[in-house]
Amino acid sequence: MLRSFLFSFLLLNMMCRIGIAQEYSDYQKKQFVQGSGVLPYRLLLPKDFDPGKKYPLLLFLHGSGERGNDNEKQLTHGASLFLNDTVRTNYPAIVVFPQCAEKSSWVRIEAEGAMGSREFTFFKDAPPTQDMVLLEGLIAQLKEEYRIAKNRMYVGGLSMGGFGTFELVRRNPRMFAAAFPICGGANPEIAGKLKKTNWWVFHGGADEVVPPIYSTQMVEALRERRVKVRYSLYLAVGHNSWDNAFAEPELLSWLFSKRK
């Protein structure tokens, strides 16, 4: 009986994986190689892609649970939004989902404490992680390979990817027209380097994985510097505030309206 149960479980798991792979087949599987480093990524081109036309670039950075090298898990959250026919018609863009390595991160941070009382330590000028270096190399390659509208480059991410969103903009303060970190955070002292980007920050008020204070203090620091920022704090929502963010009816119209 146990053997039968295990077989059924494995079969169901395999069928789910096949279903996910088929659903996201429009996202091309690619790899960026730089030196000894490899960054898997998925690339979604606009419908009726015209190589002679300029398109916005949208990067989405996943959380720690989607790390690895299978070039699939990073599509778990958010990928279906950009596959929507209406979205692809109304907002033609080059959409990229890179995948961070299993034991790496988009940004150097330290976390201590149990769930519900976790404390994060952010560093103002920490050296980049290998995956951040690879990500910046990938962006440079995409600019060479495609006609990117350089005044319409966007980045967003959730959890670890929310931290990474702040970090990528900090390191490239003139690159992005808009950014949308979800359940992330950063060192408020870097706010001065984020002034040239439009921000929409999201967090769950009941988040025990990444306490909302880390988004709140970033929003306060940005507002003190008169940076254009919106803040959506969902009071009764836990860590999965990305579901609320993706359901915001104005998210994509706000995002794609921004230009440098």
Protein backbone atom coordinates (compact mmCIF):
# COMPACT_ATOMS: atom_id res chain seq x y z
CA MET A 1 0.00 0.00 0.00
CA LEU A 2 2.83 2.36 0.87
CA ARG A 3 4.51 1.56 -2.46
CA SER A 4 1.27 2.33 -4.29
CA PHE A 5 0.92 5.64 -2.44
CA LEU A 6 4.49 6.64 -3.25
CA PHE A 7 4.01 5.76 -6.91
CA SER A 8 0.81 7.84 -7.07
CA PHE A 9 2.53 10.76 -5.37
CA LEU A 10 5.50 10.66 -7.75
CA LEU A 11 3.20 10.35 -10.75
CA LEU A 12 1.14 13.34 -9.64
CA ASN A 13 4.29 15.35 -9.00
CA MET A 14 5.61 14.52 -12.45
CA MET A 15 2.30 15.45 -14.09
CA CYS A 16 2.29 18.78 -12.26
CA ARG A 17 5.82 19.50 -13.46
CA ILE A 18 4.86 18.65 -17.04
CA GLY A 19 1.81 20.89 -16.77
CA ILE A 20 3.89 23.80 -15.46
CA ALA A 21 6.48 23.31 -18.20
CA GLN A 22 3.78 23.34 -20.89
CA GLU A 23 2.03 26.36 -19.38
CA TYR A 24 5.25 28.39 -19.41
CA SER A 25 6.63 27.09 -22.71
CA ASP A 26 6.48 30.61 -24.20
CA TYR A 27 9.23 31.56 -21.76
CA GLN A 28 12.37 30.54 -23.63
CA LYS A 29 14.98 28.68 -21.58
CA LYS A 30 18.35 30.41 -21.72
CA GLN A 31 21.61 30.73 -19.79
CA PHE A 32 23.96 33.62 -19.30
CA VAL A 33 27.59 32.56 -18.88
CA GLN A 34 30.29 34.87 -17.57
CA GLY A 35 33.63 33.39 -16.61
CA SER A 36 32.88 30.38 -14.42
CA GLY A 37 29.44 31.69 -13.47
CA VAL A 38 26.14 30.58 -15.00
CA LEU A 39 22.81 32.35 -14.57
CA PRO A 40 19.76 30.46 -15.90
CA TYR A 41 16.92 32.68 -17.08
CA ARG A 42 13.60 32.53 -18.88
CA LEU A 43 12.79 35.03 -21.61
CA LEU A 44 9.31 36.01 -22.81
CA LEU A 45 9.23 38.03 -26.02
CA PRO A 46 6.23 40.13 -27.05
CA LYS A 47 3.61 38.65 -29.33
CA ASP A 48 4.53 39.21 -32.99
CA PHE A 49 8.01 40.21 -31.88
CA ASP A 50 9.69 42.63 -34.30
CA PRO A 51 13.51 42.63 -33.91
CA GLY A 52 13.67 46.10 -35.45
CA LYS A 53 11.38 47.61 -32.83
CA LYS A 54 12.31 48.89 -29.39
CA TYR A 55 10.62 47.27 -26.38
CA PRO A 56 10.57 47.87 -22.62
CA LEU A 57 12.54 45.41 -20.48
CA LEU A 58 11.02 43.96 -17.32
CA LEU A 59 13.12 41.93 -14.88
CA PHE A 60 11.50 39.89 -12.11
CA LEU A 61 13.56 38.54 -9.21
CA HIS A 62 12.24 35.49 -7.36
CA GLY A 63 12.46 34.63 -3.66
CA SER A 64 14.70 32.20 -1.81
CA GLY A 65 12.32 29.27 -2.27
CA GLU A 66 12.76 29.36 -6.03
CA ARG A 67 16.57 29.23 -6.08
CA GLY A 68 18.33 26.47 -8.00
CA ASN A 69 19.49 25.61 -11.50
CA ASP A 70 16.43 23.90 -13.02
CA ASN A 71 15.44 27.11 -14.86
CA GLU A 72 11.81 26.47 -13.90
CA LYS A 73 11.11 27.28 -10.25
CA GLN A 74 11.67 31.02 -10.72
CA LEU A 75 8.42 31.09 -12.75
CA THR A 76 6.34 29.94 -9.75
CA HIS A 77 5.14 33.42 -8.83
CA GLY A 78 4.35 36.16 -11.34
CA ALA A 79 5.06 34.43 -14.63
CA SER A 80 1.41 33.72 -15.39
CA LEU A 81 0.56 37.42 -15.06
CA PHE A 82 2.78 38.35 -17.99
CA LEU A 83 1.47 35.44 -20.08
CA ASN A 84 -2.05 36.80 -19.95
CA ASP A 85 -3.19 37.58 -23.51
CA THR A 86 -4.59 40.98 -22.58
CA VAL A 87 -1.40 41.92 -20.76
CA ARG A 88 0.78 40.84 -23.68
CA THR A 89 -1.41 42.81 -26.09
CA ASN A 90 -1.64 45.99 -24.03
CA TYR A 91 1.92 45.97 -22.65
CA PRO A 92 4.31 44.42 -25.19
CA ALA A 93 7.63 43.99 -23.42
CA ILE A 94 10.62 41.69 -23.06
CA VAL A 95 10.10 39.90 -19.74
CA VAL A 96 12.99 38.12 -18.01
CA PHE A 97 12.96 35.79 -14.98
CA PRO A 98 16.55 34.98 -13.90
CA GLN A 99 17.23 32.19 -11.39
CA CYS A 100 19.57 32.64 -8.45
CA ALA A 101 21.81 29.72 -7.41
CA GLU A 102 20.75 27.48 -4.54
CA LYS A 103 23.13 28.82 -1.87
CA SER A 104 23.41 32.35 -3.18
CA SER A 105 21.30 35.50 -2.99
CA TRP A 106 20.61 38.67 -4.95
CA VAL A 107 22.00 40.74 -2.08
CA ARG A 108 24.22 40.37 0.99
CA ILE A 109 22.06 40.47 4.13
CA GLU A 110 22.00 38.68 7.47
CA ALA A 111 18.91 37.37 9.26
CA GLU A 112 18.57 36.34 12.91
CA GLY A 113 15.72 35.14 15.10
CA ALA A 114 12.67 32.93 14.77
CA MET A 115 9.67 33.57 12.54
CA GLY A 116 7.66 36.48 13.87
CA SER A 117 10.67 38.18 15.41
CA ARG A 118 13.27 38.04 12.64
CA GLU A 119 15.77 40.84 12.38
CA PHE A 120 17.66 41.65 9.20
CA THR A 121 20.99 43.39 8.92
CA PHE A 122 21.52 45.36 5.72
CA PHE A 123 24.85 46.72 4.56
CA LYS A 124 25.20 50.12 2.94
CA ASP A 125 28.03 49.35 0.51
CA ALA A 126 28.52 45.59 0.60
CA PRO A 127 30.22 43.97 -2.40
CA PRO A 128 27.78 42.29 -4.79
CA THR A 129 27.01 38.60 -4.67
CA GLN A 130 28.07 36.48 -7.63
CA ASP A 131 24.48 36.26 -8.81
CA MET A 132 24.09 40.04 -8.71
CA VAL A 133 27.23 40.37 -10.84
CA LEU A 134 25.81 37.80 -13.26
CA LEU A 135 22.48 39.61 -13.31
CA GLU A 136 24.14 42.88 -14.26
CA GLY A 137 26.09 41.04 -16.95
CA LEU A 138 22.86 39.57 -18.27
CA ILE A 139 21.28 43.03 -18.48
CA ALA A 140 24.25 44.28 -20.51
CA GLN A 141 23.93 41.30 -22.86
CA LEU A 142 20.18 41.82 -23.31
CA LYS A 143 20.85 45.43 -24.29
CA GLU A 144 23.21 44.22 -27.00
CA GLU A 145 21.01 41.37 -28.21
CA TYR A 146 17.69 43.25 -28.35
CA ARG A 147 16.59 46.79 -29.03
CA ILE A 148 15.73 47.72 -25.47
CA ALA A 149 13.95 51.01 -24.82
CA LYS A 150 16.50 52.25 -22.30
CA ASN A 151 14.10 54.82 -20.88
CA ARG A 152 11.59 52.04 -20.09
CA MET A 153 13.44 49.48 -18.00
CA TYR A 154 11.67 48.03 -14.97
CA VAL A 155 12.46 45.65 -12.11
CA GLY A 156 10.43 43.95 -9.41
CA GLY A 157 10.76 41.01 -7.09
CA LEU A 158 9.42 39.28 -4.03
CA SER A 159 11.02 38.51 -0.65
CA MET A 160 14.70 37.86 -1.47
CA GLY A 161 13.86 39.36 -4.85
CA GLY A 162 12.35 42.39 -3.11
CA PHE A 163 15.68 42.90 -1.35
CA GLY A 164 17.36 42.35 -4.70
CA THR A 165 15.18 44.99 -6.37
CA PHE A 166 16.41 47.66 -3.98
CA GLU A 167 19.99 46.44 -4.43
CA LEU A 168 19.91 46.39 -8.22
CA VAL A 169 18.56 49.94 -8.37
CA ARG A 170 21.11 51.09 -5.77
CA ARG A 171 23.90 49.73 -7.90
CA ASN A 172 22.39 51.16 -11.11
CA PRO A 173 20.68 54.38 -9.98
CA ARG A 174 20.09 55.76 -13.48
CA MET A 175 18.89 52.57 -15.16
CA PHE A 176 15.32 51.87 -14.08
CA ALA A 177 12.22 53.98 -14.67
CA ALA A 178 10.19 52.08 -12.06
CA ALA A 179 10.58 49.34 -9.46
CA PHE A 180 8.14 47.29 -7.39
CA PRO A 181 9.67 45.39 -4.43
CA ILE A 182 7.28 42.99 -2.66
CA CYS A 183 7.83 41.93 0.99
CA GLY A 184 11.46 43.05 0.87
CA GLY A 185 13.51 45.84 2.38
CA ALA A 186 16.89 47.55 2.43
CA ASN A 187 19.11 49.88 4.41
CA PRO A 188 17.26 53.24 4.62
CA GLU A 189 20.60 55.00 4.22
CA ILE A 190 20.66 54.03 0.52
CA ALA A 191 17.45 55.97 -0.21
CA GLY A 192 19.43 58.85 -1.67
CA LYS A 193 20.61 56.57 -4.47
CA LEU A 194 17.06 55.55 -5.40
CA LYS A 195 15.75 59.02 -6.27
CA LYS A 196 15.65 58.66 -10.05
CA THR A 197 13.27 55.67 -9.98
CA ASN A 198 9.51 55.55 -9.39
CA TRP A 199 8.57 53.10 -6.62
CA TRP A 200 5.56 51.04 -5.63
CA VAL A 201 6.33 49.05 -2.48
CA PHE A 202 4.16 46.14 -1.25
CA HIS A 203 4.09 44.24 2.03
CA GLY A 204 1.79 42.17 4.20
CA GLY A 205 1.08 43.65 7.61
CA ALA A 206 1.05 40.17 9.18
CA ASP A 207 4.25 38.98 7.49
CA GLU A 208 6.31 36.90 9.94
CA VAL A 209 9.03 35.95 7.44
CA VAL A 210 10.06 39.48 6.52
CA PRO A 211 8.48 41.91 9.02
CA PRO A 212 6.76 44.87 7.29
CA ILE A 213 8.92 47.38 9.15
CA TYR A 214 11.62 46.82 6.54
CA SER A 215 9.39 48.11 3.74
CA THR A 216 7.86 50.80 5.92
CA GLN A 217 11.19 52.31 6.90
CA MET A 218 12.31 52.31 3.27
CA VAL A 219 9.13 54.12 2.20
CA GLU A 220 9.62 56.69 4.96
CA ALA A 221 13.24 57.24 3.91
CA LEU A 222 12.20 57.66 0.27
CA ARG A 223 9.45 60.11 1.15
CA GLU A 224 11.87 62.16 3.24
CA ARG A 225 13.92 62.58 0.07
CA ARG A 226 10.80 63.41 -1.97
CA VAL A 227 11.11 60.29 -4.08
CA LYS A 228 7.98 59.25 -5.98
CA VAL A 229 6.73 56.24 -4.02
CA ARG A 230 3.45 54.40 -3.46
CA TYR A 231 2.99 52.00 -0.56
CA SER A 232 0.46 49.17 -0.31
CA LEU A 233 0.45 47.58 3.15
CA TYR A 234 -2.09 44.75 3.38
CA LEU A 235 -2.80 44.61 7.11
CA ALA A 236 -4.10 41.03 7.50
CA VAL A 237 -1.84 39.46 4.85
CA GLY A 238 1.18 37.31 5.60
CA HIS A 239 4.30 36.74 3.55
CA ASN A 240 2.47 35.97 0.31
CA SER A 241 1.60 39.61 -0.32
CA TRP A 242 2.68 39.06 -3.92
CA ASP A 243 -0.80 37.63 -4.57
CA ASN A 244 -2.28 40.99 -3.58
CA ALA A 245 0.33 42.92 -5.52
CA PHE A 246 -0.24 40.97 -8.73
CA ALA A 247 -4.01 41.51 -8.33
CA GLU A 248 -3.65 45.31 -8.12
CA PRO A 249 -5.63 46.60 -11.14
CA GLU A 250 -3.30 49.58 -11.61
CA LEU A 251 0.03 47.80 -11.22
CA LEU A 252 0.85 47.26 -14.90
CA SER A 253 -0.63 50.51 -16.16
CA TRP A 254 1.38 52.36 -13.50
CA LEU A 255 4.54 50.40 -14.28
CA PHE A 256 4.56 50.71 -18.05
CA SER A 257 3.59 54.40 -17.95
CA LYS A 258 6.92 55.29 -16.33
CA ARG A 259 9.79 56.59 -18.43
CA LYS A 260 13.21 57.97 -17.60
